Amino acid sequence: MLAAFSDAATLRHALAFEAELARAEAAEGLIGAEAAEAIASLCASIVIDLAELAEEAALAGTLAIPLVARLRAALTGEAAKALHKGATSQDVADTILTCQVRTARSLLGADLSRITTALAALAQRHAATPAIGRTLLQDALPIGFGLRIAQWQAGIAEAAIRFHHEVETGAVLQFGGAAGTRAGLGGKAAAVSARLAAALGLPDAPPWHARRGGTAGIATALAIAIGALGKMARDVSLLAQNGIAEAREPAIPGRGGSSAMAHKRNPTGCQVALSASLRAPGLVDGILAGLPAEQERGLGGWQAEGPALADLFLLAAGAADAMATVAEGLEIDEAAIARNLTAAGMGNDIGESAALVAALLAQDD
């Protein structure tokens, strides 16, 4: 995930945008084929000092300005003039972020799938295992222990579906030009956009410079997924308390110990997920605050999205990886579950827990 949002990846996507834009415009007869290939060849071979480019971008206020200047200085004739034709700096910035988001979705999706698969198996195994249910942190009525696990699974599965949908509809090509009108392309902008989107592996779309709902939707869906992981983490950590001891994280050498208390086995994976779930809402808040963007291109709002969204993906990746390890190795103590149920004195009528487990898991099919 760090690599997906790295400076190297950012530059790679920016160069791909410029190269494929030139090729798309050449295919529509807007620039010469030789000029397009000169641009594409340069984008594939140029060596740029990332630290220097970062300083220049900070000074300019956007990556595209110094990048295009460097590329143009290395080109001659028609190619130098044709570079970046019809595009604007925000086209580059938003498309870079879109490409990064789609890479990140695959990485996160793999770990979320690991979790839901492991939890589904546990929920089925313990669907009819009588356990004490707890409401408001107090003993309540009996439930099937697998029902609690199925609820974790359903929450994470639903969040994964929501996240996938938001990325699919919100992470799309940005290509609108200086004021979002696609001016200067001889009426062929739609065709150029379609070609550019296909080359970059993105869905085509009308310009969305000041319409930030797609990005906000992705951020919100990420936070919900992190929160669903946090729900599981909260419950596992509570179940692992000494006085309950019904479930605990897998024993892994070097993990979960204490520097001062050798007897402790701390729920470290849950700690990672819970800390992520505490940080995520603030990051989303910052992105939501940018929704009332000014006219055709906002000032300050969309520029804040990239770092916040990258942080959200990093938090989600860390939480998902930690909880995948927990889900795949969760230790469930049936003797402790039975002992706690007996101590509660509530009987063992678990109602329709087993049927509810089946219904919840069926939603993920």
Protein backbone atom coordinates (compact mmCIF):
# COMPACT_ATOMS: atom_id res chain seq x y z
CA MET A 1 0.00 0.00 0.00
CA LEU A 2 2.92 2.32 0.70
CA ALA A 3 4.21 1.57 -2.79
CA ALA A 4 0.80 2.31 -4.34
CA PHE A 5 0.86 5.86 -2.97
CA SER A 6 4.61 6.44 -3.22
CA ASP A 7 6.27 9.32 -5.05
CA ALA A 8 7.53 6.84 -7.63
CA ALA A 9 3.99 5.61 -8.33
CA THR A 10 2.72 9.19 -8.52
CA LEU A 11 5.32 10.09 -11.13
CA ARG A 12 4.70 6.88 -13.07
CA HIS A 13 0.98 7.59 -13.35
CA ALA A 14 1.63 11.23 -14.31
CA LEU A 15 3.96 10.20 -17.12
CA ALA A 16 1.48 7.58 -18.29
CA PHE A 17 -1.22 10.27 -18.44
CA GLU A 18 0.91 12.53 -20.65
CA ALA A 19 2.03 9.69 -22.91
CA GLU A 20 -1.43 8.22 -23.44
CA LEU A 21 -3.00 11.66 -23.88
CA ALA A 22 -0.60 12.35 -26.74
CA ARG A 23 -1.34 8.99 -28.35
CA ALA A 24 -5.09 9.50 -28.02
CA GLU A 25 -4.87 12.96 -29.60
CA ALA A 26 -2.72 11.62 -32.42
CA ALA A 27 -5.26 8.87 -33.07
CA GLU A 28 -7.90 11.58 -33.48
CA GLY A 29 -5.69 13.67 -35.77
CA LEU A 30 -5.18 16.50 -33.30
CA ILE A 31 -1.40 16.16 -33.18
CA GLY A 32 1.08 14.34 -35.39
CA ALA A 33 1.89 10.68 -34.84
CA GLU A 34 5.63 11.40 -34.69
CA ALA A 35 5.09 14.08 -32.06
CA ALA A 36 2.96 11.68 -30.00
CA GLU A 37 5.58 8.95 -30.11
CA ALA A 38 8.32 11.41 -29.19
CA ILE A 39 6.27 12.39 -26.12
CA ALA A 40 5.51 8.78 -25.22
CA SER A 41 9.14 7.74 -25.69
CA LEU A 42 10.34 10.55 -23.44
CA CYS A 43 7.78 9.67 -20.75
CA ALA A 44 9.01 6.08 -20.80
CA SER A 45 12.69 6.94 -20.54
CA ILE A 46 13.11 10.20 -18.66
CA VAL A 47 14.91 10.07 -15.32
CA ILE A 48 13.71 12.63 -12.78
CA ASP A 49 15.00 13.30 -9.29
CA LEU A 50 11.90 12.81 -7.15
CA ALA A 51 13.10 15.06 -4.33
CA GLU A 52 13.79 17.92 -6.74
CA LEU A 53 10.44 17.46 -8.46
CA ALA A 54 8.68 17.44 -5.09
CA GLU A 55 10.26 20.75 -4.14
CA GLU A 56 9.29 22.26 -7.48
CA ALA A 57 5.73 20.97 -7.15
CA ALA A 58 5.43 22.46 -3.66
CA LEU A 59 6.57 25.82 -5.00
CA ALA A 60 4.28 25.68 -8.03
CA GLY A 61 1.28 24.39 -6.09
CA THR A 62 0.79 21.35 -8.30
CA LEU A 63 2.87 18.52 -9.75
CA ALA A 64 1.88 19.08 -13.37
CA ILE A 65 3.50 22.51 -13.74
CA PRO A 66 7.13 21.49 -13.11
CA LEU A 67 6.64 18.07 -14.71
CA VAL A 68 5.29 19.49 -17.96
CA ALA A 69 8.06 22.11 -17.95
CA ARG A 70 10.71 19.40 -17.63
CA LEU A 71 9.17 17.31 -20.38
CA ARG A 72 8.73 20.25 -22.71
CA ALA A 73 12.35 21.30 -22.23
CA ALA A 74 13.43 17.84 -23.40
CA LEU A 75 11.25 17.97 -26.54
CA THR A 76 11.54 19.97 -29.72
CA GLY A 77 9.30 21.27 -32.49
CA GLU A 78 5.72 20.02 -32.69
CA ALA A 79 6.18 17.55 -29.83
CA ALA A 80 7.03 20.33 -27.38
CA LYS A 81 3.91 22.27 -28.42
CA ALA A 82 1.66 19.19 -28.48
CA LEU A 83 2.54 18.00 -24.97
CA HIS A 84 -0.33 18.30 -22.45
CA LYS A 85 -2.67 19.62 -25.16
CA GLY A 86 -6.17 20.32 -23.84
CA ALA A 87 -5.32 19.17 -20.31
CA THR A 88 -4.93 20.99 -17.02
CA SER A 89 -2.99 20.34 -13.84
CA GLN A 90 -5.99 18.99 -11.99
CA ASP A 91 -6.62 16.46 -14.76
CA VAL A 92 -3.20 15.03 -13.99
CA ALA A 93 -3.60 15.16 -10.19
CA ASP A 94 -7.05 13.58 -10.07
CA THR A 95 -6.21 10.89 -12.59
CA ILE A 96 -3.07 9.96 -10.65
CA LEU A 97 -5.14 9.57 -7.48
CA THR A 98 -7.75 7.56 -9.36
CA CYS A 99 -5.11 5.13 -10.63
CA GLN A 100 -3.66 4.79 -7.15
CA VAL A 101 -7.08 4.12 -5.64
CA ARG A 102 -7.75 1.31 -8.10
CA THR A 103 -4.42 -0.32 -7.31
CA ALA A 104 -5.14 0.07 -3.60
CA ARG A 105 -8.59 -1.48 -3.97
CA SER A 106 -7.08 -4.77 -5.18
CA LEU A 107 -4.64 -4.87 -2.27
CA LEU A 108 -7.26 -4.14 0.36
CA GLY A 109 -9.85 -6.41 -1.22
CA ALA A 110 -7.55 -9.41 -0.90
CA ASP A 111 -7.21 -9.02 2.88
CA LEU A 112 -10.90 -8.31 3.39
CA SER A 113 -11.66 -11.52 1.51
CA ARG A 114 -9.28 -13.44 3.76
CA ILE A 115 -11.19 -12.17 6.79
CA THR A 116 -14.70 -12.89 5.53
CA THR A 117 -13.71 -16.37 4.38
CA ALA A 118 -12.16 -17.27 7.73
CA LEU A 119 -15.04 -15.80 9.73
CA ALA A 120 -17.65 -17.61 7.64
CA ALA A 121 -16.06 -20.95 8.49
CA LEU A 122 -15.92 -20.09 12.20
CA ALA A 123 -19.51 -18.87 12.23
CA GLN A 124 -20.76 -22.09 10.66
CA ARG A 125 -18.72 -24.23 13.04
CA HIS A 126 -20.11 -22.48 16.12
CA ALA A 127 -23.58 -21.58 14.85
CA ALA A 128 -25.26 -23.75 17.48
CA THR A 129 -22.70 -23.39 20.27
CA PRO A 130 -24.66 -21.91 23.21
CA ALA A 131 -23.01 -18.83 24.69
CA ILE A 132 -24.08 -15.93 26.82
CA GLY A 133 -25.03 -12.85 24.84
CA ARG A 134 -24.09 -9.46 26.23
CA THR A 135 -25.85 -6.12 25.88
CA LEU A 136 -24.59 -2.86 27.35
CA LEU A 137 -21.55 -4.87 28.52
CA GLN A 138 -23.76 -7.02 30.79
CA ASP A 139 -24.91 -10.63 30.55
CA ALA A 140 -28.14 -10.80 28.55
CA LEU A 141 -29.67 -13.96 27.01
CA PRO A 142 -28.04 -16.97 25.33
CA ILE A 143 -27.00 -16.78 21.68
CA GLY A 144 -25.22 -19.08 19.29
CA PHE A 145 -21.54 -18.13 19.54
CA GLY A 146 -21.37 -18.34 15.75
CA LEU A 147 -24.04 -15.63 15.45
CA ARG A 148 -21.68 -13.10 16.98
CA ILE A 149 -19.00 -14.12 14.47
CA ALA A 150 -21.50 -14.04 11.59
CA GLN A 151 -22.35 -10.45 12.50
CA TRP A 152 -18.67 -9.52 12.27
CA GLN A 153 -18.46 -11.29 8.93
CA ALA A 154 -21.60 -9.64 7.55
CA GLY A 155 -20.46 -6.18 8.60
CA ILE A 156 -17.07 -6.56 6.92
CA ALA A 157 -18.57 -8.18 3.81
CA GLU A 158 -21.12 -5.40 3.42
CA ALA A 159 -18.40 -2.80 3.86
CA ALA A 160 -16.27 -4.50 1.20
CA ILE A 161 -19.16 -4.46 -1.27
CA ARG A 162 -19.88 -0.79 -0.54
CA PHE A 163 -16.19 0.07 -0.95
CA HIS A 164 -15.94 -1.77 -4.26
CA HIS A 165 -19.00 0.05 -5.58
CA GLU A 166 -17.71 3.48 -4.53
CA VAL A 167 -14.36 2.87 -6.23
CA GLU A 168 -16.02 1.57 -9.37
CA THR A 169 -18.25 4.63 -9.72
CA GLY A 170 -15.99 7.28 -8.18
CA ALA A 171 -12.47 6.43 -9.34
CA VAL A 172 -12.85 7.49 -12.97
CA LEU A 173 -10.83 9.46 -15.52
CA GLN A 174 -10.54 13.20 -15.02
CA PHE A 175 -10.14 15.06 -18.30
CA GLY A 176 -11.75 18.46 -18.67
CA GLY A 177 -9.09 21.04 -19.46
CA ALA A 178 -8.59 24.48 -17.99
CA ALA A 179 -12.20 25.25 -17.05
CA GLY A 180 -13.81 21.85 -17.48
CA THR A 181 -15.09 22.55 -20.99
CA ARG A 182 -12.60 20.41 -22.98
CA ALA A 183 -11.86 23.42 -25.14
CA GLY A 184 -9.32 23.48 -27.98
CA LEU A 185 -9.77 19.91 -29.17
CA GLY A 186 -11.82 20.53 -32.29
CA GLY A 187 -14.92 18.74 -31.09
CA LYS A 188 -12.99 15.51 -30.61
CA ALA A 189 -12.54 15.73 -26.85
CA ALA A 190 -15.02 12.95 -26.08
CA ALA A 191 -13.19 10.58 -28.41
CA VAL A 192 -9.84 11.56 -26.90
CA SER A 193 -11.23 11.02 -23.41
CA ALA A 194 -12.52 7.56 -24.32
CA ARG A 195 -9.16 6.56 -25.77
CA LEU A 196 -7.25 7.97 -22.81
CA ALA A 197 -9.48 6.20 -20.30
CA ALA A 198 -9.11 2.87 -22.09
CA ALA A 199 -5.33 3.21 -22.25
CA LEU A 200 -5.09 3.95 -18.54
CA GLY A 201 -7.55 1.21 -17.59
CA LEU A 202 -10.10 3.65 -16.16
CA PRO A 203 -13.80 4.21 -16.76
CA ASP A 204 -14.46 7.24 -18.96
CA ALA A 205 -16.52 10.09 -17.49
CA PRO A 206 -17.41 13.75 -17.96
CA PRO A 207 -15.16 16.19 -16.10
CA TRP A 208 -15.66 16.32 -12.33
CA HIS A 209 -13.14 18.96 -11.22
CA ALA A 210 -15.38 20.61 -8.62
CA ARG A 211 -17.73 17.67 -8.06
CA ARG A 212 -15.98 15.78 -5.29
CA GLY A 213 -18.67 13.35 -4.23
CA GLY A 214 -16.91 10.38 -5.79
CA THR A 215 -13.78 10.89 -3.75
CA ALA A 216 -15.82 11.56 -0.61
CA GLY A 217 -17.77 8.35 -1.23
CA ILE A 218 -14.57 6.31 -1.48
CA ALA A 219 -13.23 7.88 1.71
CA THR A 220 -16.47 7.24 3.59
CA ALA A 221 -16.65 3.64 2.40
CA LEU A 222 -13.07 3.12 3.55
CA ALA A 223 -13.90 4.49 6.98
CA ILE A 224 -16.92 2.20 7.23
CA ALA A 225 -14.74 -0.78 6.36
CA ILE A 226 -12.20 0.26 8.99
CA GLY A 227 -15.04 0.65 11.49
CA ALA A 228 -16.36 -2.83 10.67
CA LEU A 229 -12.88 -4.24 11.33
CA GLY A 230 -12.84 -2.25 14.56
CA LYS A 231 -16.15 -3.79 15.61
CA MET A 232 -14.65 -7.25 15.30
CA ALA A 233 -11.51 -6.10 17.09
CA ARG A 234 -13.50 -4.60 19.96
CA ASP A 235 -15.44 -7.81 20.49
CA VAL A 236 -12.40 -10.08 20.27
CA SER A 237 -10.51 -7.94 22.78
CA LEU A 238 -13.47 -8.09 25.17
CA LEU A 239 -13.79 -11.85 24.76
CA ALA A 240 -10.07 -12.22 25.48
CA GLN A 241 -10.25 -10.56 28.91
CA ASN A 242 -9.06 -12.77 31.75
CA GLY A 243 -12.47 -12.98 33.38
CA ILE A 244 -14.14 -14.09 30.13
CA ALA A 245 -11.43 -15.88 28.07
CA GLU A 246 -13.84 -17.18 25.42
CA ALA A 247 -11.65 -16.27 22.46
CA ARG A 248 -8.23 -14.81 21.85
CA GLU A 249 -5.80 -13.96 19.12
CA PRO A 250 -3.46 -16.65 17.80
CA ALA A 251 -0.15 -17.08 19.61
CA ILE A 252 2.60 -15.67 17.39
CA PRO A 253 6.22 -15.44 18.58
CA GLY A 254 7.19 -11.84 19.29
CA ARG A 255 3.62 -10.55 19.16
CA GLY A 256 1.29 -9.62 22.00
CA GLY A 257 3.78 -9.79 24.83
CA SER A 258 4.64 -7.19 27.45
CA SER A 259 8.03 -5.67 28.16
CA ALA A 260 7.29 -5.68 31.90
CA MET A 261 4.76 -8.50 32.43
CA ALA A 262 5.80 -11.82 30.94
CA HIS A 263 2.46 -13.48 31.70
CA LYS A 264 0.46 -11.18 29.41
CA ARG A 265 -0.87 -12.06 25.96
CA ASN A 266 -2.16 -8.78 24.60
CA PRO A 267 -4.64 -8.49 21.70
CA THR A 268 -2.17 -6.66 19.47
CA GLY A 269 -4.02 -7.21 16.19
CA CYS A 270 -7.17 -5.77 17.73
CA GLN A 271 -5.14 -2.83 18.97
CA VAL A 272 -4.01 -2.05 15.40
CA ALA A 273 -7.57 -2.16 14.05
CA LEU A 274 -9.03 -0.14 16.89
CA SER A 275 -6.42 2.60 16.59
CA ALA A 276 -7.18 2.78 12.85
CA SER A 277 -10.90 3.07 13.54
CA LEU A 278 -10.24 5.98 15.88
CA ARG A 279 -8.18 7.88 13.32
CA ALA A 280 -10.34 7.29 10.24
CA PRO A 281 -13.33 9.56 11.01
CA GLY A 282 -11.17 12.67 11.27
CA LEU A 283 -9.60 12.00 7.89
CA VAL A 284 -13.01 11.56 6.29
CA ASP A 285 -14.22 14.75 7.93
CA GLY A 286 -11.51 16.71 6.15
CA ILE A 287 -12.53 15.28 2.78
CA LEU A 288 -16.22 15.93 3.38
CA ALA A 289 -15.36 19.53 4.25
CA GLY A 290 -14.11 20.02 0.70
CA LEU A 291 -17.43 19.13 -0.94
CA PRO A 292 -18.65 22.76 -1.27
CA ALA A 293 -15.94 23.51 -3.85
CA GLU A 294 -15.72 26.92 -5.47
CA GLN A 295 -17.15 27.15 -9.00
CA GLU A 296 -15.16 25.30 -11.71
CA ARG A 297 -12.12 24.46 -9.56
CA GLY A 298 -11.92 24.73 -5.81
CA LEU A 299 -9.17 26.23 -3.69
CA GLY A 300 -7.73 24.04 -0.97
CA GLY A 301 -10.44 21.39 -0.76
CA TRP A 302 -9.50 18.90 -3.46
CA GLN A 303 -5.82 19.54 -2.81
CA ALA A 304 -6.31 18.08 0.68
CA GLU A 305 -7.90 14.87 -0.56
CA GLY A 306 -4.84 12.97 -1.80
CA PRO A 307 -2.88 12.80 1.48
CA ALA A 308 -6.00 12.07 3.52
CA LEU A 309 -7.15 9.33 1.16
CA ALA A 310 -3.69 7.77 1.13
CA ASP A 311 -3.70 7.75 4.94
CA LEU A 312 -7.11 6.09 4.96
CA PHE A 313 -5.91 3.35 2.64
CA LEU A 314 -2.83 2.81 4.78
CA LEU A 315 -4.96 2.56 7.92
CA ALA A 316 -7.35 0.17 6.21
CA ALA A 317 -4.49 -1.96 4.92
CA GLY A 318 -2.90 -2.21 8.36
CA ALA A 319 -6.20 -2.99 10.07
CA ALA A 320 -7.22 -5.57 7.46
CA ASP A 321 -3.87 -7.34 7.56
CA ALA A 322 -3.93 -7.47 11.35
CA MET A 323 -7.49 -8.77 11.54
CA ALA A 324 -6.93 -11.31 8.76
CA THR A 325 -4.27 -12.86 10.97
CA VAL A 326 -6.69 -12.81 13.90
CA ALA A 327 -9.58 -14.28 11.90
CA GLU A 328 -7.51 -17.09 10.43
CA GLY A 329 -6.03 -18.11 13.79
CA LEU A 330 -8.71 -17.13 16.30
CA GLU A 331 -8.66 -19.46 19.29
CA ILE A 332 -12.13 -20.22 20.68
CA ASP A 333 -12.40 -21.86 24.09
CA GLU A 334 -15.66 -23.80 24.20
CA ALA A 335 -15.12 -24.79 27.83
CA ALA A 336 -14.91 -21.13 28.85
CA ILE A 337 -17.99 -20.33 26.77
CA ALA A 338 -19.96 -23.11 28.56
CA ARG A 339 -18.65 -22.05 31.97
CA ASN A 340 -19.69 -18.43 31.47
CA LEU A 341 -23.11 -19.46 30.19
CA THR A 342 -23.67 -21.65 33.25
CA ALA A 343 -22.55 -18.88 35.58
CA ALA A 344 -25.02 -16.48 33.98
CA GLY A 345 -27.89 -18.84 34.83
CA MET A 346 -29.91 -17.97 31.73
CA GLY A 347 -30.39 -21.46 30.31
CA ASN A 348 -29.28 -22.40 26.81
CA ASP A 349 -32.13 -21.39 24.50
CA ILE A 350 -30.29 -19.71 21.63
CA GLY A 351 -33.45 -19.01 19.67
CA GLU A 352 -32.98 -19.06 15.89
CA SER A 353 -29.28 -18.32 16.03
CA ALA A 354 -28.29 -21.08 13.61
CA ALA A 355 -30.84 -19.95 11.01
CA LEU A 356 -29.68 -16.35 11.38
CA VAL A 357 -26.08 -17.42 10.84
CA ALA A 358 -27.08 -19.12 7.62
CA ALA A 359 -29.04 -16.07 6.49
CA LEU A 360 -26.19 -13.66 7.24
CA LEU A 361 -23.63 -15.79 5.44
CA ALA A 362 -25.93 -16.23 2.46
CA GLN A 363 -25.81 -12.46 1.89
CA ASP A 364 -22.13 -12.79 0.98
CA ASP A 365 -22.71 -15.47 -1.68
